[in-house]
Every structure is written in structure tokens, then in C-alpha cells.
PDB file of N, CA and C in Angstrom:
ATOM      1  N   MET A   1     -54.296 -96.016 206.333  1.00  0.00           N
ATOM      2  CA  MET A   1     -53.678 -94.881 206.846  1.00  0.00           C
ATOM      3  C   MET A   1     -54.251 -93.486 206.533  1.00  0.00           C
ATOM      4  N   VAL A   2     -54.360 -92.714 207.176  1.00  0.00           N
ATOM      5  CA  VAL A   2     -55.109 -91.411 207.042  1.00  0.00           C
ATOM      6  C   VAL A   2     -53.758 -90.435 207.288  1.00  0.00           C
ATOM      7  N   VAL A   3     -53.687 -89.463 206.156  1.00  0.00           N
ATOM      8  CA  VAL A   3     -52.844 -88.116 206.244  1.00  0.00           C
ATOM      9  C   VAL A   3     -53.422 -87.275 206.039  1.00  0.00           C
ATOM     10  N   THR A   4     -53.193 -86.302 207.137  1.00  0.00           N
ATOM     11  CA  THR A   4     -53.771 -84.934 206.967  1.00  0.00           C
ATOM     12  C   THR A   4     -52.687 -83.618 206.789  1.00  0.00           C
ATOM     13  N   GLY A   5     -53.379 -82.546 206.427  1.00  0.00           N
ATOM     14  CA  GLY A   5     -52.771 -81.384 206.572  1.00  0.00           C
ATOM     15  C   GLY A   5     -51.882 -81.167 204.735  1.00  0.00           C
ATOM     16  N   GLN A   6     -51.639 -81.991 204.412  1.00  0.00           N
ATOM     17  CA  GLN A   6     -50.474 -81.957 203.432  1.00  0.00           C
ATOM     18  C   GLN A   6     -51.242 -82.583 201.710  1.00  0.00           C
ATOM     19  N   GLY A   7     -52.419 -83.113 202.166  1.00  0.00           N
ATOM     20  CA  GLY A   7     -53.130 -83.569 200.949  1.00  0.00           C
ATOM     21  C   GLY A   7     -52.541 -84.803 200.303  1.00  0.00           C
ATOM     22  N   HIS A   8     -51.683 -85.290 200.902  1.00  0.00           N
ATOM     23  CA  HIS A   8     -51.079 -86.479 200.426  1.00  0.00           C
ATOM     24  C   HIS A   8     -52.145 -87.934 200.709  1.00  0.00           C
ATOM     25  N   ARG A   9     -51.821 -88.947 199.963  1.00  0.00           N
ATOM     26  CA  ARG A   9     -52.804 -90.233 200.311  1.00  0.00           C
ATOM     27  C   ARG A   9     -52.020 -91.223 199.458  1.00  0.00           C
ATOM     28  N   HIS A  10     -52.451 -92.292 200.191  1.00  0.00           N
ATOM     29  CA  HIS A  10     -52.001 -93.730 199.804  1.00  0.00           C
ATOM     30  C   HIS A  10     -52.745 -94.297 198.904  1.00  0.00           C
ATOM     31  N   SER A  11     -52.629 -93.834 197.473  1.00  0.00           N
ATOM     32  CA  SER A  11     -53.828 -94.503 196.478  1.00  0.00           C
ATOM     33  C   SER A  11     -52.892 -95.787 195.580  1.00  0.00           C
ATOM     34  N   ALA A  12     -53.620 -96.321 194.791  1.00  0.00           N
ATOM     35  CA  ALA A  12     -53.288 -97.281 193.813  1.00  0.00           C
ATOM     36  C   ALA A  12     -52.801 -96.587 192.841  1.00  0.00           C
ATOM     37  N   PRO A  13     -51.670 -97.416 192.264  1.00  0.00           N
ATOM     38  CA  PRO A  13     -51.167 -96.442 191.178  1.00  0.00           C
ATOM     39  C   PRO A  13     -51.937 -96.049 189.888  1.00  0.00           C
ATOM     40  N   THR A  14     -53.145 -97.120 189.611  1.00  0.00           N
ATOM     41  CA  THR A  14     -54.147 -96.808 188.550  1.00  0.00           C
ATOM     42  C   THR A  14     -54.995 -95.585 188.796  1.00  0.00           C
ATOM     43  N   GLU A  15     -54.915 -94.932 189.998  1.00  0.00           N
ATOM     44  CA  GLU A  15     -55.673 -93.756 190.280  1.00  0.00           C
ATOM     45  C   GLU A  15     -55.213 -92.559 189.739  1.00  0.00           C
ATOM     46  N   GLU A  16     -53.782 -92.329 189.668  1.00  0.00           N
ATOM     47  CA  GLU A  16     -53.355 -91.338 189.337  1.00  0.00           C
ATOM     48  C   GLU A  16     -52.561 -91.494 187.979  1.00  0.00           C
ATOM     49  N   SER A  17     -51.777 -90.651 187.278  1.00  0.00           N
ATOM     50  CA  SER A  17     -51.250 -90.797 186.151  1.00  0.00           C
ATOM     51  C   SER A  17     -49.866 -91.880 186.444  1.00  0.00           C
ATOM     52  N   ASP A  18     -49.091 -91.931 185.415  1.00  0.00           N
ATOM     53  CA  ASP A  18     -48.152 -92.737 185.659  1.00  0.00           C
ATOM     54  C   ASP A  18     -46.850 -92.435 186.110  1.00  0.00           C
ATOM     55  N   GLU A  19     -46.995 -90.917 186.192  1.00  0.00           N
ATOM     56  CA  GLU A  19     -45.612 -90.010 186.404  1.00  0.00           C
ATOM     57  C   GLU A  19     -45.733 -89.959 188.097  1.00  0.00           C
ATOM     58  N   GLY A  20     -44.719 -90.112 188.525  1.00  0.00           N
ATOM     59  CA  GLY A  20     -44.321 -90.183 189.932  1.00  0.00           C
ATOM     60  C   GLY A  20     -43.640 -91.546 190.355  1.00  0.00           C
ATOM     61  N   SER A  21     -43.692 -91.790 191.603  1.00  0.00           N
ATOM     62  CA  SER A  21     -43.241 -92.711 192.223  1.00  0.00           C
ATOM     63  C   SER A  21     -43.913 -93.323 193.773  1.00  0.00           C
ATOM     64  N   TRP A  22     -43.561 -94.547 194.038  1.00  0.00           N
ATOM     65  CA  TRP A  22     -43.747 -95.039 195.559  1.00  0.00           C
ATOM     66  C   TRP A  22     -42.614 -94.922 196.291  1.00  0.00           C
ATOM     67  N   GLY A  23     -42.666 -94.209 197.570  1.00  0.00           N
ATOM     68  CA  GLY A  23     -41.642 -94.508 198.475  1.00  0.00           C
ATOM     69  C   GLY A  23     -42.009 -93.358 199.732  1.00  0.00           C
ATOM     70  N   ARG A  24     -41.296 -93.698 200.818  1.00  0.00           N
ATOM     71  CA  ARG A  24     -41.329 -92.835 201.917  1.00  0.00           C
ATOM     72  C   ARG A  24     -40.964 -91.401 201.684  1.00  0.00           C
ATOM     73  N   ILE A  25     -41.783 -90.433 201.671  1.00  0.00           N
ATOM     74  CA  ILE A  25     -41.773 -88.984 201.581  1.00  0.00           C
ATOM     75  C   ILE A  25     -41.377 -88.462 202.794  1.00  0.00           C
ATOM     76  N   ASN A  26     -39.950 -88.267 203.123  1.00  0.00           N
ATOM     77  CA  ASN A  26     -39.463 -87.560 204.169  1.00  0.00           C
ATOM     78  C   ASN A  26     -39.335 -86.082 204.155  1.00  0.00           C
ATOM     79  N   LYS A  27     -40.360 -85.448 204.523  1.00  0.00           N
ATOM     80  CA  LYS A  27     -40.151 -83.905 204.445  1.00  0.00           C
ATOM     81  C   LYS A  27     -39.705 -83.284 205.905  1.00  0.00           C
ATOM     82  N   GLU A  28     -38.275 -83.168 205.928  1.00  0.00           N
ATOM     83  CA  GLU A  28     -37.813 -82.607 207.100  1.00  0.00           C
ATOM     84  C   GLU A  28     -36.750 -81.749 206.660  1.00  0.00           C
ATOM     85  N   CYS A  29     -36.296 -80.843 207.698  1.00  0.00           N
ATOM     86  CA  CYS A  29     -35.483 -79.694 207.374  1.00  0.00           C
ATOM     87  C   CYS A  29     -34.092 -80.289 207.714  1.00  0.00           C
ATOM     88  N   ASP A  30     -33.392 -81.207 207.592  1.00  0.00           N
ATOM     89  CA  ASP A  30     -32.324 -81.813 207.903  1.00  0.00           C
ATOM     90  C   ASP A  30     -31.818 -82.716 206.898  1.00  0.00           C
ATOM     91  N   SER A  31     -30.773 -83.534 207.216  1.00  0.00           N
ATOM     92  CA  SER A  31     -30.033 -84.490 206.300  1.00  0.00           C
ATOM     93  C   SER A  31     -30.719 -85.501 206.054  1.00  0.00           C
ATOM     94  N   THR A  32     -32.163 -85.773 206.534  1.00  0.00           N
ATOM     95  CA  THR A  32     -32.626 -86.862 206.059  1.00  0.00           C
ATOM     96  C   THR A  32     -33.096 -86.973 204.867  1.00  0.00           C
ATOM     97  N   ASN A  33     -33.194 -88.156 204.071  1.00  0.00           N
ATOM     98  CA  ASN A  33     -33.366 -88.115 202.600  1.00  0.00           C
ATOM     99  C   ASN A  33     -34.421 -89.489 202.391  1.00  0.00           C
ATOM    100  N   VAL A  34     -34.876 -89.410 201.377  1.00  0.00           N
ATOM    101  CA  VAL A  34     -35.862 -90.779 201.191  1.00  0.00           C
ATOM    102  C   VAL A  34     -35.391 -91.620 199.873  1.00  0.00           C
ATOM    103  N   TRP A  35     -35.299 -92.984 200.447  1.00  0.00           N
ATOM    104  CA  TRP A  35     -35.105 -94.010 199.176  1.00  0.00           C
ATOM    105  C   TRP A  35     -36.643 -94.201 198.515  1.00  0.00           C
ATOM    106  N   GLY A  36     -36.486 -94.167 197.176  1.00  0.00           N
ATOM    107  CA  GLY A  36     -37.450 -94.562 196.429  1.00  0.00           C
ATOM    108  C   GLY A  36     -37.458 -94.667 194.997  1.00  0.00           C
ATOM    109  N   ILE A  37     -38.389 -95.046 194.299  1.00  0.00           N
ATOM    110  CA  ILE A  37     -38.176 -95.177 192.820  1.00  0.00           C
ATOM    111  C   ILE A  37     -38.399 -93.841 192.133  1.00  0.00           C
ATOM    112  N   ILE A  38     -37.163 -93.403 191.506  1.00  0.00           N
ATOM    113  CA  ILE A  38     -37.202 -92.177 190.831  1.00  0.00           C
ATOM    114  C   ILE A  38     -37.754 -92.405 189.398  1.00  0.00           C
ATOM    115  N   ASN A  39     -38.742 -91.504 189.067  1.00  0.00           N
ATOM    116  CA  ASN A  39     -39.278 -91.915 187.732  1.00  0.00           C
ATOM    117  C   ASN A  39     -38.857 -90.572 187.077  1.00  0.00           C
ATOM    118  N   LYS A  40     -37.800 -90.915 186.042  1.00  0.00           N
ATOM    119  CA  LYS A  40     -37.353 -89.893 185.072  1.00  0.00           C
ATOM    120  C   LYS A  40     -38.299 -89.535 184.137  1.00  0.00           C
ATOM    121  N   GLU A  41     -38.453 -88.393 183.726  1.00  0.00           N
ATOM    122  CA  GLU A  41     -39.303 -87.492 183.048  1.00  0.00           C
ATOM    123  C   GLU A  41     -39.220 -88.260 181.359  1.00  0.00           C
ATOM    124  N   CYS A  42     -40.156 -88.260 180.943  1.00  0.00           N
ATOM    125  CA  CYS A  42     -40.174 -88.870 179.482  1.00  0.00           C
ATOM    126  C   CYS A  42     -39.068 -90.035 179.215  1.00  0.00           C
ATOM    127  N   ASP A  43     -38.981 -90.733 179.930  1.00  0.00           N
ATOM    128  CA  ASP A  43     -38.157 -91.935 179.916  1.00  0.00           C
ATOM    129  C   ASP A  43     -39.132 -93.109 180.644  1.00  0.00           C
ATOM    130  N   SER A  44     -38.827 -94.507 180.060  1.00  0.00           N
ATOM    131  CA  SER A  44     -39.192 -95.635 181.106  1.00  0.00           C
ATOM    132  C   SER A  44     -38.544 -96.067 182.034  1.00  0.00           C
ATOM    133  N   THR A  45     -37.382 -95.659 182.117  1.00  0.00           N
ATOM    134  CA  THR A  45     -36.498 -96.046 183.089  1.00  0.00           C
ATOM    135  C   THR A  45     -36.707 -95.593 184.505  1.00  0.00           C
ATOM    136  N   ASN A  46     -36.685 -96.732 185.231  1.00  0.00           N
ATOM    137  CA  ASN A  46     -36.978 -96.270 186.700  1.00  0.00           C
ATOM    138  C   ASN A  46     -35.708 -96.640 187.664  1.00  0.00           C
ATOM    139  N   VAL A  47     -35.320 -95.795 188.421  1.00  0.00           N
ATOM    140  CA  VAL A  47     -34.007 -95.911 189.114  1.00  0.00           C
ATOM    141  C   VAL A  47     -34.242 -95.567 190.714  1.00  0.00           C
ATOM    142  N   TRP A  48     -33.770 -96.756 191.701  1.00  0.00           N
ATOM    143  CA  TRP A  48     -33.837 -96.499 192.864  1.00  0.00           C
ATOM    144  C   TRP A  48     -32.741 -95.347 193.465  1.00  0.00           C
ATOM    145  N   GLY A  49     -33.276 -94.442 194.280  1.00  0.00           N
ATOM    146  CA  GLY A  49     -32.324 -93.221 194.628  1.00  0.00           C
ATOM    147  C   GLY A  49     -32.495 -92.591 195.739  1.00  0.00           C
ATOM    148  N   ILE A  50     -31.893 -91.394 195.882  1.00  0.00           N
ATOM    149  CA  ILE A  50     -32.448 -90.612 196.921  1.00  0.00           C
ATOM    150  C   ILE A  50     -33.254 -89.561 196.616  1.00  0.00           C
ATOM    151  N   ILE A  51     -34.324 -89.217 197.291  1.00  0.00           N
ATOM    152  CA  ILE A  51     -35.256 -88.200 196.702  1.00  0.00           C
ATOM    153  C   ILE A  51     -35.178 -87.331 197.788  1.00  0.00           C
ATOM    154  N   ASN A  52     -34.855 -85.931 197.472  1.00  0.00           N
ATOM    155  CA  ASN A  52     -34.616 -84.900 198.690  1.00  0.00           C
ATOM    156  C   ASN A  52     -35.744 -84.164 198.550  1.00  0.00           C
ATOM    157  N   LYS A  53     -36.458 -84.201 199.652  1.00  0.00           N
ATOM    158  CA  LYS A  53     -37.919 -83.278 199.626  1.00  0.00           C
ATOM    159  C   LYS A  53     -37.284 -82.169 200.444  1.00  0.00           C
ATOM    160  N   GLU A  54     -38.551 -81.085 200.328  1.00  0.00           N
ATOM    161  CA  GLU A  54     -38.483 -79.772 200.761  1.00  0.00           C
ATOM    162  C   GLU A  54     -38.847 -79.721 202.363  1.00  0.00           C
ATOM    163  N   CYS A  55     -38.661 -78.726 203.336  1.00  0.00           N
ATOM    164  CA  CYS A  55     -38.928 -78.790 204.719  1.00  0.00           C
ATOM    165  C   CYS A  55     -40.406 -78.875 205.083  1.00  0.00           C
ATOM    166  N   ASP A  56     -40.620 -79.886 205.883  1.00  0.00           N
ATOM    167  CA  ASP A  56     -42.044 -80.358 206.592  1.00  0.00           C
ATOM    168  C   ASP A  56     -41.700 -81.527 207.435  1.00  0.00           C
ATOM    169  N   SER A  57     -42.578 -81.278 208.680  1.00  0.00           N
ATOM    170  CA  SER A  57     -42.182 -82.363 209.890  1.00  0.00           C
ATOM    171  C   SER A  57     -43.054 -83.641 209.194  1.00  0.00           C
ATOM    172  N   THR A  58     -43.769 -83.764 208.279  1.00  0.00           N
ATOM    173  CA  THR A  58     -44.473 -85.238 207.947  1.00  0.00           C
ATOM    174  C   THR A  58     -43.655 -86.039 207.166  1.00  0.00           C
ATOM    175  N   ASN A  59     -43.839 -87.107 207.931  1.00  0.00           N
ATOM    176  CA  ASN A  59     -43.273 -88.528 207.259  1.00  0.00           C
ATOM    177  C   ASN A  59     -44.430 -89.263 206.831  1.00  0.00           C
ATOM    178  N   VAL A  60     -44.310 -89.852 205.665  1.00  0.00           N
ATOM    179  CA  VAL A  60     -45.764 -90.476 204.992  1.00  0.00           C
ATOM    180  C   VAL A  60     -45.286 -91.307 203.648  1.00  0.00           C
ATOM    181  N   TRP A  61     -45.895 -92.628 203.910  1.00  0.00           N
ATOM    182  CA  TRP A  61     -45.717 -93.599 202.938  1.00  0.00           C
ATOM    183  C   TRP A  61     -47.018 -92.966 201.749  1.00  0.00           C
ATOM    184  N   GLY A  62     -46.179 -93.007 200.232  1.00  0.00           N
ATOM    185  CA  GLY A  62     -47.401 -92.708 199.295  1.00  0.00           C
ATOM    186  C   GLY A  62     -46.626 -92.383 197.980  1.00  0.00           C
ATOM    187  N   ARG A  63     -47.563 -91.874 197.377  1.00  0.00           N
ATOM    188  CA  ARG A  63     -47.084 -91.463 195.683  1.00  0.00           C
ATOM    189  C   ARG A  63     -45.888 -90.141 195.601  1.00  0.00           C
ATOM    190  N   ILE A  64     -44.865 -90.291 195.275  1.00  0.00           N
ATOM    191  CA  ILE A  64     -44.267 -89.007 194.929  1.00  0.00           C
ATOM    192  C   ILE A  64     -44.179 -88.406 193.546  1.00  0.00           C
ATOM    193  N   ASN A  65     -44.983 -87.607 193.545  1.00  0.00           N
ATOM    194  CA  ASN A  65     -45.122 -86.979 192.122  1.00  0.00           C
ATOM    195  C   ASN A  65     -44.071 -86.108 191.817  1.00  0.00           C
ATOM    196  N   LYS A  66     -43.438 -86.402 190.607  1.00  0.00           N
ATOM    197  CA  LYS A  66     -42.407 -85.575 190.259  1.00  0.00           C
ATOM    198  C   LYS A  66     -42.941 -84.604 189.310  1.00  0.00           C
ATOM    199  N   GLU A  67     -42.179 -83.646 188.935  1.00  0.00           N
ATOM    200  CA  GLU A  67     -42.811 -82.400 187.915  1.00  0.00           C
ATOM    201  C   GLU A  67     -41.751 -82.438 186.757  1.00  0.00           C
TER     202      GLU A  67
END
């Protein structure tokens, strides 16, 4: 899959740091949210929940890096 314009890419977990998660990144200016694994910072616990992304019309499956 090729994603352009946003710099996102579908990569193996080993290619980047363990921070972040895999899930659909739904970047739209509406009530659409994203289900995926939310990696809590400084914690080994992963939870499934709704990840709210900022405004963008691009939908992509890939790694969601949390700050």
C-alpha cells in the first residue's frame, strides 16, 4: 500500500520504536474516530480504545505514534 502526502507508511513494528500503535488512522474533521491499540506512555499496558485524530481527509492503516 502506498500512502502519499502525509509521510505515513505501513512498516514492520521492528523498523521503528516500540512507542505508538497499529490501527486505522482516521483523520477527518467529523465525529469519526479510530479503534486501535493505545500505547500508554512509560507503561507496558496496551488498551483498545478510540483514538481521536486531527483534521485531515486521509484514511490509512498504519502505525500511530503517540507523543
